[in-house]
Every structure is written in structure tokens, then in C-alpha cells.
Amino acid sequence: MHRRWPVIITAVVLCGLLLLALTFMVQAWTRIEAQMSVHGWIALTLGVVLSVAIGSGLMALMFFSHRRGYDDAVGRDEDREK
């Protein structure tokens, strides 16, 4: 039972920070009177999609490398030199 309290406290703090960030975002969004063109929306969408795709691809490569053991050889070579 004592192990659950840090998890609960962490979850509450993170949810609070998320709520604070969302509140700030909504207030900032409603105060701005600028308009974005269609080209701006296309550029924003492409930027977000490509950033998520690159990040996901790099994470997949990292997990693939770890599961195949490609990183293990690097650590063994450094230990032999010492």
C-alpha cells in the first residue's frame, strides 16, 4: 500500500501541470487576433506530422537496436580497454 502513494502523488502533480499548460494555451489562443492562411495550416500540419514520424522512427530504431543486442558490443569493447 505504501508503494502506491508516490505513484498517486506523481500522477496528481503531472495532471495538475497538464491542466495548467492547457489553461495557459487556451488563454493565449483566445487573446490573439491573428489569422493563419491555408498555407500556414498546411505547413503546421506537415511539420507536426513529420516531427512525430521522425521521433517515432528513431524510437523504433532504438528499441530494435536494444532487442537485437547491437549496443552490447560497444560496452564490452570499452571494458576490455581499461
PDB file of N, CA and C in Angstrom:
ATOM      1  N   MET A   1       0.817  -1.203   0.000  1.00  0.00           N
ATOM      2  CA  MET A   1       0.000   0.000   0.000  1.00  0.00           C
ATOM      3  C   MET A   1       0.858   1.263   0.000  1.00  0.00           C
ATOM      4  N   HIS A   2       2.025   1.213   0.666  1.00  0.00           N
ATOM      5  CA  HIS A   2       2.874   2.394   0.744  1.00  0.00           C
ATOM      6  C   HIS A   2       3.530   2.725  -0.589  1.00  0.00           C
ATOM      7  N   ARG A   3       3.649   1.750  -1.467  1.00  0.00           N
ATOM      8  CA  ARG A   3       4.277   1.995  -2.766  1.00  0.00           C
ATOM      9  C   ARG A   3       3.359   2.755  -3.706  1.00  0.00           C
ATOM     10  N   ARG A   4       2.079   2.730  -3.461  1.00  0.00           N
ATOM     11  CA  ARG A   4       1.139   3.407  -4.364  1.00  0.00           C
ATOM     12  C   ARG A   4       1.121   4.913  -4.162  1.00  0.00           C
ATOM     13  N   TRP A   5       1.462   5.408  -2.989  1.00  0.00           N
ATOM     14  CA  TRP A   5       1.380   6.844  -2.731  1.00  0.00           C
ATOM     15  C   TRP A   5       2.292   7.667  -3.622  1.00  0.00           C
ATOM     16  N   PRO A   6       3.540   7.293  -3.825  1.00  0.00           N
ATOM     17  CA  PRO A   6       4.366   8.101  -4.747  1.00  0.00           C
ATOM     18  C   PRO A   6       3.811   8.118  -6.165  1.00  0.00           C
ATOM     19  N   VAL A   7       3.239   7.009  -6.608  1.00  0.00           N
ATOM     20  CA  VAL A   7       2.658   6.960  -7.953  1.00  0.00           C
ATOM     21  C   VAL A   7       1.440   7.874  -8.031  1.00  0.00           C
ATOM     22  N   ILE A   8       0.618   7.837  -6.999  1.00  0.00           N
ATOM     23  CA  ILE A   8      -0.583   8.680  -6.978  1.00  0.00           C
ATOM     24  C   ILE A   8      -0.199  10.152  -6.925  1.00  0.00           C
ATOM     25  N   ILE A   9       0.772  10.487  -6.076  1.00  0.00           N
ATOM     26  CA  ILE A   9       1.207  11.882  -5.969  1.00  0.00           C
ATOM     27  C   ILE A   9       1.805  12.363  -7.284  1.00  0.00           C
ATOM     28  N   THR A  10       2.608  11.535  -7.926  1.00  0.00           N
ATOM     29  CA  THR A  10       3.203  11.895  -9.216  1.00  0.00           C
ATOM     30  C   THR A  10       2.128  12.109 -10.269  1.00  0.00           C
ATOM     31  N   ALA A  11       1.140  11.230 -10.301  1.00  0.00           N
ATOM     32  CA  ALA A  11       0.053  11.362 -11.275  1.00  0.00           C
ATOM     33  C   ALA A  11      -0.738  12.639 -11.045  1.00  0.00           C
ATOM     34  N   VAL A  12      -1.014  12.969  -9.790  1.00  0.00           N
ATOM     35  CA  VAL A  12      -1.776  14.190  -9.478  1.00  0.00           C
ATOM     36  C   VAL A  12      -0.980  15.425  -9.878  1.00  0.00           C
ATOM     37  N   VAL A  13       0.318  15.437  -9.576  1.00  0.00           N
ATOM     38  CA  VAL A  13       1.157  16.586  -9.936  1.00  0.00           C
ATOM     39  C   VAL A  13       1.236  16.743 -11.447  1.00  0.00           C
ATOM     40  N   LEU A  14       1.427  15.632 -12.172  1.00  0.00           N
ATOM     41  CA  LEU A  14       1.505  15.715 -13.632  1.00  0.00           C
ATOM     42  C   LEU A  14       0.184  16.151 -14.253  1.00  0.00           C
ATOM     43  N   CYS A  15      -0.932  15.668 -13.718  1.00  0.00           N
ATOM     44  CA  CYS A  15      -2.242  16.113 -14.222  1.00  0.00           C
ATOM     45  C   CYS A  15      -2.457  17.589 -13.938  1.00  0.00           C
ATOM     46  N   GLY A  16      -1.992  18.055 -12.786  1.00  0.00           N
ATOM     47  CA  GLY A  16      -2.090  19.481 -12.473  1.00  0.00           C
ATOM     48  C   GLY A  16      -1.271  20.329 -13.423  1.00  0.00           C
ATOM     49  N   LEU A  17      -0.053  19.882 -13.725  1.00  0.00           N
ATOM     50  CA  LEU A  17       0.783  20.612 -14.683  1.00  0.00           C
ATOM     51  C   LEU A  17       0.168  20.611 -16.083  1.00  0.00           C
ATOM     52  N   LEU A  18      -0.435  19.488 -16.467  1.00  0.00           N
ATOM     53  CA  LEU A  18      -1.106  19.422 -17.762  1.00  0.00           C
ATOM     54  C   LEU A  18      -2.286  20.389 -17.808  1.00  0.00           C
ATOM     55  N   LEU A  19      -3.055  20.441 -16.747  1.00  0.00           N
ATOM     56  CA  LEU A  19      -4.195  21.357 -16.675  1.00  0.00           C
ATOM     57  C   LEU A  19      -3.721  22.805 -16.734  1.00  0.00           C
ATOM     58  N   LEU A  20      -2.631  23.112 -16.039  1.00  0.00           N
ATOM     59  CA  LEU A  20      -2.074  24.462 -16.074  1.00  0.00           C
ATOM     60  C   LEU A  20      -1.610  24.836 -17.478  1.00  0.00           C
ATOM     61  N   ALA A  21      -0.945  23.912 -18.157  1.00  0.00           N
ATOM     62  CA  ALA A  21      -0.466  24.170 -19.520  1.00  0.00           C
ATOM     63  C   ALA A  21      -1.641  24.356 -20.483  1.00  0.00           C
ATOM     64  N   LEU A  22      -2.673  23.522 -20.344  1.00  0.00           N
ATOM     65  CA  LEU A  22      -3.844  23.664 -21.213  1.00  0.00           C
ATOM     66  C   LEU A  22      -4.575  24.980 -20.961  1.00  0.00           C
ATOM     67  N   THR A  23      -4.663  25.384 -19.705  1.00  0.00           N
ATOM     68  CA  THR A  23      -5.296  26.660 -19.384  1.00  0.00           C
ATOM     69  C   THR A  23      -4.527  27.822 -20.003  1.00  0.00           C
ATOM     70  N   PHE A  24      -3.212  27.788 -19.879  1.00  0.00           N
ATOM     71  CA  PHE A  24      -2.388  28.826 -20.484  1.00  0.00           C
ATOM     72  C   PHE A  24      -2.554  28.845 -21.995  1.00  0.00           C
ATOM     73  N   MET A  25      -2.601  27.653 -22.606  1.00  0.00           N
ATOM     74  CA  MET A  25      -2.740  27.564 -24.053  1.00  0.00           C
ATOM     75  C   MET A  25      -4.067  28.173 -24.518  1.00  0.00           C
ATOM     76  N   VAL A  26      -5.149  27.831 -23.832  1.00  0.00           N
ATOM     77  CA  VAL A  26      -6.465  28.333 -24.231  1.00  0.00           C
ATOM     78  C   VAL A  26      -6.528  29.847 -24.053  1.00  0.00           C
ATOM     79  N   GLN A  27      -5.981  30.367 -22.961  1.00  0.00           N
ATOM     80  CA  GLN A  27      -5.993  31.814 -22.754  1.00  0.00           C
ATOM     81  C   GLN A  27      -5.163  32.537 -23.808  1.00  0.00           C
ATOM     82  N   ALA A  28      -4.004  31.991 -24.135  1.00  0.00           N
ATOM     83  CA  ALA A  28      -3.155  32.618 -25.156  1.00  0.00           C
ATOM     84  C   ALA A  28      -3.821  32.553 -26.518  1.00  0.00           C
ATOM     85  N   TRP A  29      -4.499  31.442 -26.821  1.00  0.00           N
ATOM     86  CA  TRP A  29      -5.141  31.270 -28.118  1.00  0.00           C
ATOM     87  C   TRP A  29      -6.306  32.248 -28.285  1.00  0.00           C
ATOM     88  N   THR A  30      -7.063  32.461 -27.233  1.00  0.00           N
ATOM     89  CA  THR A  30      -8.233  33.339 -27.345  1.00  0.00           C
ATOM     90  C   THR A  30      -7.854  34.814 -27.352  1.00  0.00           C
ATOM     91  N   ARG A  31      -6.696  35.190 -26.832  1.00  0.00           N
ATOM     92  CA  ARG A  31      -6.287  36.595 -26.814  1.00  0.00           C
ATOM     93  C   ARG A  31      -5.714  37.062 -28.147  1.00  0.00           C
ATOM     94  N   ILE A  32      -5.203  36.156 -28.943  1.00  0.00           N
ATOM     95  CA  ILE A  32      -4.560  36.524 -30.200  1.00  0.00           C
ATOM     96  C   ILE A  32      -5.626  36.695 -31.278  1.00  0.00           C
ATOM     97  N   GLU A  33      -5.501  37.776 -32.037  1.00  0.00           N
ATOM     98  CA  GLU A  33      -6.455  38.042 -33.106  1.00  0.00           C
ATOM     99  C   GLU A  33      -5.867  37.780 -34.484  1.00  0.00           C
ATOM    100  N   ALA A  34      -4.729  37.134 -34.544  1.00  0.00           N
ATOM    101  CA  ALA A  34      -4.076  36.865 -35.827  1.00  0.00           C
ATOM    102  C   ALA A  34      -4.787  35.728 -36.549  1.00  0.00           C
ATOM    103  N   GLN A  35      -4.784  35.800 -37.857  1.00  0.00           N
ATOM    104  CA  GLN A  35      -5.384  34.763 -38.688  1.00  0.00           C
ATOM    105  C   GLN A  35      -4.280  34.037 -39.437  1.00  0.00           C
ATOM    106  N   MET A  36      -4.443  32.716 -39.596  1.00  0.00           N
ATOM    107  CA  MET A  36      -3.457  31.934 -40.330  1.00  0.00           C
ATOM    108  C   MET A  36      -4.077  31.493 -41.648  1.00  0.00           C
ATOM    109  N   SER A  37      -3.293  31.617 -42.715  1.00  0.00           N
ATOM    110  CA  SER A  37      -3.795  31.244 -44.036  1.00  0.00           C
ATOM    111  C   SER A  37      -3.805  29.728 -44.183  1.00  0.00           C
ATOM    112  N   VAL A  38      -4.350  29.272 -45.305  1.00  0.00           N
ATOM    113  CA  VAL A  38      -4.392  27.839 -45.607  1.00  0.00           C
ATOM    114  C   VAL A  38      -2.976  27.287 -45.706  1.00  0.00           C
ATOM    115  N   HIS A  39      -2.073  28.074 -46.296  1.00  0.00           N
ATOM    116  CA  HIS A  39      -0.691  27.637 -46.426  1.00  0.00           C
ATOM    117  C   HIS A  39      -0.039  27.468 -45.049  1.00  0.00           C
ATOM    118  N   GLY A  40      -0.388  28.342 -44.121  1.00  0.00           N
ATOM    119  CA  GLY A  40       0.134  28.219 -42.762  1.00  0.00           C
ATOM    120  C   GLY A  40      -0.347  26.948 -42.094  1.00  0.00           C
ATOM    121  N   TRP A  41      -1.638  26.619 -42.254  1.00  0.00           N
ATOM    122  CA  TRP A  41      -2.183  25.392 -41.670  1.00  0.00           C
ATOM    123  C   TRP A  41      -1.547  24.155 -42.290  1.00  0.00           C
ATOM    124  N   ILE A  42      -1.299  24.205 -43.592  1.00  0.00           N
ATOM    125  CA  ILE A  42      -0.651  23.072 -44.265  1.00  0.00           C
ATOM    126  C   ILE A  42       0.771  22.906 -43.736  1.00  0.00           C
ATOM    127  N   ALA A  43       1.507  24.004 -43.613  1.00  0.00           N
ATOM    128  CA  ALA A  43       2.875  23.941 -43.107  1.00  0.00           C
ATOM    129  C   ALA A  43       2.904  23.443 -41.661  1.00  0.00           C
ATOM    130  N   LEU A  44       1.973  23.912 -40.841  1.00  0.00           N
ATOM    131  CA  LEU A  44       1.904  23.470 -39.448  1.00  0.00           C
ATOM    132  C   LEU A  44       1.602  21.978 -39.360  1.00  0.00           C
ATOM    133  N   THR A  45       0.642  21.522 -40.153  1.00  0.00           N
ATOM    134  CA  THR A  45       0.270  20.109 -40.142  1.00  0.00           C
ATOM    135  C   THR A  45       1.425  19.235 -40.607  1.00  0.00           C
ATOM    136  N   LEU A  46       2.073  19.629 -41.701  1.00  0.00           N
ATOM    137  CA  LEU A  46       3.215  18.855 -42.201  1.00  0.00           C
ATOM    138  C   LEU A  46       4.361  18.833 -41.190  1.00  0.00           C
ATOM    139  N   GLY A  47       4.611  19.942 -40.547  1.00  0.00           N
ATOM    140  CA  GLY A  47       5.672  19.998 -39.544  1.00  0.00           C
ATOM    141  C   GLY A  47       5.404  19.077 -38.367  1.00  0.00           C
ATOM    142  N   VAL A  48       4.175  19.077 -37.879  1.00  0.00           N
ATOM    143  CA  VAL A  48       3.830  18.211 -36.749  1.00  0.00           C
ATOM    144  C   VAL A  48       3.888  16.748 -37.154  1.00  0.00           C
ATOM    145  N   VAL A  49       3.303  16.412 -38.309  1.00  0.00           N
ATOM    146  CA  VAL A  49       3.277  15.013 -38.752  1.00  0.00           C
ATOM    147  C   VAL A  49       4.688  14.497 -39.001  1.00  0.00           C
ATOM    148  N   LEU A  50       5.523  15.275 -39.658  1.00  0.00           N
ATOM    149  CA  LEU A  50       6.890  14.840 -39.930  1.00  0.00           C
ATOM    150  C   LEU A  50       7.713  14.732 -38.644  1.00  0.00           C
ATOM    151  N   SER A  51       7.506  15.638 -37.700  1.00  0.00           N
ATOM    152  CA  SER A  51       8.229  15.562 -36.431  1.00  0.00           C
ATOM    153  C   SER A  51       7.847  14.314 -35.648  1.00  0.00           C
ATOM    154  N   VAL A  52       6.569  13.998 -35.622  1.00  0.00           N
ATOM    155  CA  VAL A  52       6.121  12.792 -34.923  1.00  0.00           C
ATOM    156  C   VAL A  52       6.628  11.544 -35.631  1.00  0.00           C
ATOM    157  N   ALA A  53       6.621  11.554 -36.960  1.00  0.00           N
ATOM    158  CA  ALA A  53       7.106  10.396 -37.712  1.00  0.00           C
ATOM    159  C   ALA A  53       8.597  10.170 -37.484  1.00  0.00           C
ATOM    160  N   ILE A  54       9.387  11.226 -37.506  1.00  0.00           N
ATOM    161  CA  ILE A  54      10.823  11.086 -37.275  1.00  0.00           C
ATOM    162  C   ILE A  54      11.093  10.622 -35.851  1.00  0.00           C
ATOM    163  N   GLY A  55      10.400  11.201 -34.880  1.00  0.00           N
ATOM    164  CA  GLY A  55      10.578  10.784 -33.492  1.00  0.00           C
ATOM    165  C   GLY A  55      10.180   9.334 -33.278  1.00  0.00           C
ATOM    166  N   SER A  56       9.070   8.921 -33.866  1.00  0.00           N
ATOM    167  CA  SER A  56       8.630   7.528 -33.739  1.00  0.00           C
ATOM    168  C   SER A  56       9.607   6.579 -34.416  1.00  0.00           C
ATOM    169  N   GLY A  57      10.103   6.966 -35.585  1.00  0.00           N
ATOM    170  CA  GLY A  57      11.067   6.131 -36.284  1.00  0.00           C
ATOM    171  C   GLY A  57      12.366   5.969 -35.504  1.00  0.00           C
ATOM    172  N   LEU A  58      12.852   7.052 -34.907  1.00  0.00           N
ATOM    173  CA  LEU A  58      14.069   6.954 -34.113  1.00  0.00           C
ATOM    174  C   LEU A  58      13.865   6.113 -32.861  1.00  0.00           C
ATOM    175  N   MET A  59      12.702   6.229 -32.221  1.00  0.00           N
ATOM    176  CA  MET A  59      12.416   5.395 -31.053  1.00  0.00           C
ATOM    177  C   MET A  59      12.315   3.929 -31.458  1.00  0.00           C
ATOM    178  N   ALA A  60      11.710   3.647 -32.603  1.00  0.00           N
ATOM    179  CA  ALA A  60      11.615   2.266 -33.081  1.00  0.00           C
ATOM    180  C   ALA A  60      13.007   1.701 -33.351  1.00  0.00           C
ATOM    181  N   LEU A  61      13.880   2.493 -33.955  1.00  0.00           N
ATOM    182  CA  LEU A  61      15.251   2.038 -34.194  1.00  0.00           C
ATOM    183  C   LEU A  61      15.992   1.785 -32.892  1.00  0.00           C
ATOM    184  N   MET A  62      15.746   2.624 -31.896  1.00  0.00           N
ATOM    185  CA  MET A  62      16.401   2.430 -30.608  1.00  0.00           C
ATOM    186  C   MET A  62      15.943   1.120 -29.959  1.00  0.00           C
ATOM    187  N   PHE A  63      14.641   0.843 -29.958  1.00  0.00           N
ATOM    188  CA  PHE A  63      14.138  -0.405 -29.385  1.00  0.00           C
ATOM    189  C   PHE A  63      14.623  -1.610 -30.188  1.00  0.00           C
ATOM    190  N   PHE A  64      14.653  -1.496 -31.501  1.00  0.00           N
ATOM    191  CA  PHE A  64      15.134  -2.578 -32.353  1.00  0.00           C
ATOM    192  C   PHE A  64      16.603  -2.875 -32.050  1.00  0.00           C
ATOM    193  N   SER A  65      17.403  -1.830 -31.925  1.00  0.00           N
ATOM    194  CA  SER A  65      18.816  -1.996 -31.637  1.00  0.00           C
ATOM    195  C   SER A  65      19.023  -2.639 -30.270  1.00  0.00           C
ATOM    196  N   HIS A  66      18.232  -2.233 -29.289  1.00  0.00           N
ATOM    197  CA  HIS A  66      18.378  -2.799 -27.945  1.00  0.00           C
ATOM    198  C   HIS A  66      17.979  -4.273 -27.914  1.00  0.00           C
ATOM    199  N   ARG A  67      16.890  -4.609 -28.583  1.00  0.00           N
ATOM    200  CA  ARG A  67      16.434  -6.003 -28.572  1.00  0.00           C
ATOM    201  C   ARG A  67      17.366  -6.932 -29.332  1.00  0.00           C
ATOM    202  N   ARG A  68      18.015  -6.435 -30.367  1.00  0.00           N
ATOM    203  CA  ARG A  68      18.941  -7.265 -31.143  1.00  0.00           C
ATOM    204  C   ARG A  68      20.322  -7.345 -30.502  1.00  0.00           C
ATOM    205  N   GLY A  69      20.585  -6.507 -29.506  1.00  0.00           N
ATOM    206  CA  GLY A  69      21.865  -6.554 -28.807  1.00  0.00           C
ATOM    207  C   GLY A  69      22.993  -5.820 -29.495  1.00  0.00           C
ATOM    208  N   TYR A  70      22.672  -4.908 -30.406  1.00  0.00           N
ATOM    209  CA  TYR A  70      23.726  -4.166 -31.104  1.00  0.00           C
ATOM    210  C   TYR A  70      24.495  -3.243 -30.157  1.00  0.00           C
ATOM    211  N   ASP A  71      23.874  -2.807 -29.082  1.00  0.00           N
ATOM    212  CA  ASP A  71      24.528  -1.897 -28.151  1.00  0.00           C
ATOM    213  C   ASP A  71      25.443  -2.631 -27.177  1.00  0.00           C
ATOM    214  N   ASP A  72      25.272  -3.925 -27.013  1.00  0.00           N
ATOM    215  CA  ASP A  72      26.051  -4.667 -26.032  1.00  0.00           C
ATOM    216  C   ASP A  72      27.529  -4.737 -26.397  1.00  0.00           C
ATOM    217  N   ALA A  73      27.840  -4.840 -27.660  1.00  0.00           N
ATOM    218  CA  ALA A  73      29.227  -4.967 -28.095  1.00  0.00           C
ATOM    219  C   ALA A  73      30.030  -3.711 -27.778  1.00  0.00           C
ATOM    220  N   VAL A  74      29.418  -2.558 -27.804  1.00  0.00           N
ATOM    221  CA  VAL A  74      30.120  -1.311 -27.531  1.00  0.00           C
ATOM    222  C   VAL A  74      30.586  -1.281 -26.083  1.00  0.00           C
ATOM    223  N   GLY A  75      29.744  -1.671 -25.165  1.00  0.00           N
ATOM    224  CA  GLY A  75      30.116  -1.682 -23.758  1.00  0.00           C
ATOM    225  C   GLY A  75      31.219  -2.684 -23.445  1.00  0.00           C
ATOM    226  N   ARG A  76      31.195  -3.826 -24.100  1.00  0.00           N
ATOM    227  CA  ARG A  76      32.219  -4.839 -23.863  1.00  0.00           C
ATOM    228  C   ARG A  76      33.584  -4.378 -24.364  1.00  0.00           C
ATOM    229  N   ASP A  77      33.639  -3.689 -25.483  1.00  0.00           N
ATOM    230  CA  ASP A  77      34.916  -3.203 -26.015  1.00  0.00           C
ATOM    231  C   ASP A  77      35.538  -2.173 -25.095  1.00  0.00           C
ATOM    232  N   GLU A  78      34.746  -1.305 -24.506  1.00  0.00           N
ATOM    233  CA  GLU A  78      35.270  -0.287 -23.599  1.00  0.00           C
ATOM    234  C   GLU A  78      35.799  -0.916 -22.325  1.00  0.00           C
ATOM    235  N   ASP A  79      35.152  -1.981 -21.826  1.00  0.00           N
ATOM    236  CA  ASP A  79      35.611  -2.634 -20.613  1.00  0.00           C
ATOM    237  C   ASP A  79      36.937  -3.358 -20.840  1.00  0.00           C
ATOM    238  N   ARG A  80      37.169  -3.890 -22.008  1.00  0.00           N
ATOM    239  CA  ARG A  80      38.403  -4.607 -22.312  1.00  0.00           C
ATOM    240  C   ARG A  80      39.597  -3.672 -22.377  1.00  0.00           C
ATOM    241  N   GLU A  81      39.387  -2.432 -22.805  1.00  0.00           N
ATOM    242  CA  GLU A  81      40.484  -1.489 -22.948  1.00  0.00           C
ATOM    243  C   GLU A  81      40.989  -1.002 -21.606  1.00  0.00           C
ATOM    244  N   LYS A  82      40.203  -1.030 -20.580  1.00  0.00           N
ATOM    245  CA  LYS A  82      40.598  -0.499 -19.264  1.00  0.00           C
ATOM    246  C   LYS A  82      41.411  -1.453 -18.488  1.00  0.00           C
TER     247      LYS A  82
END
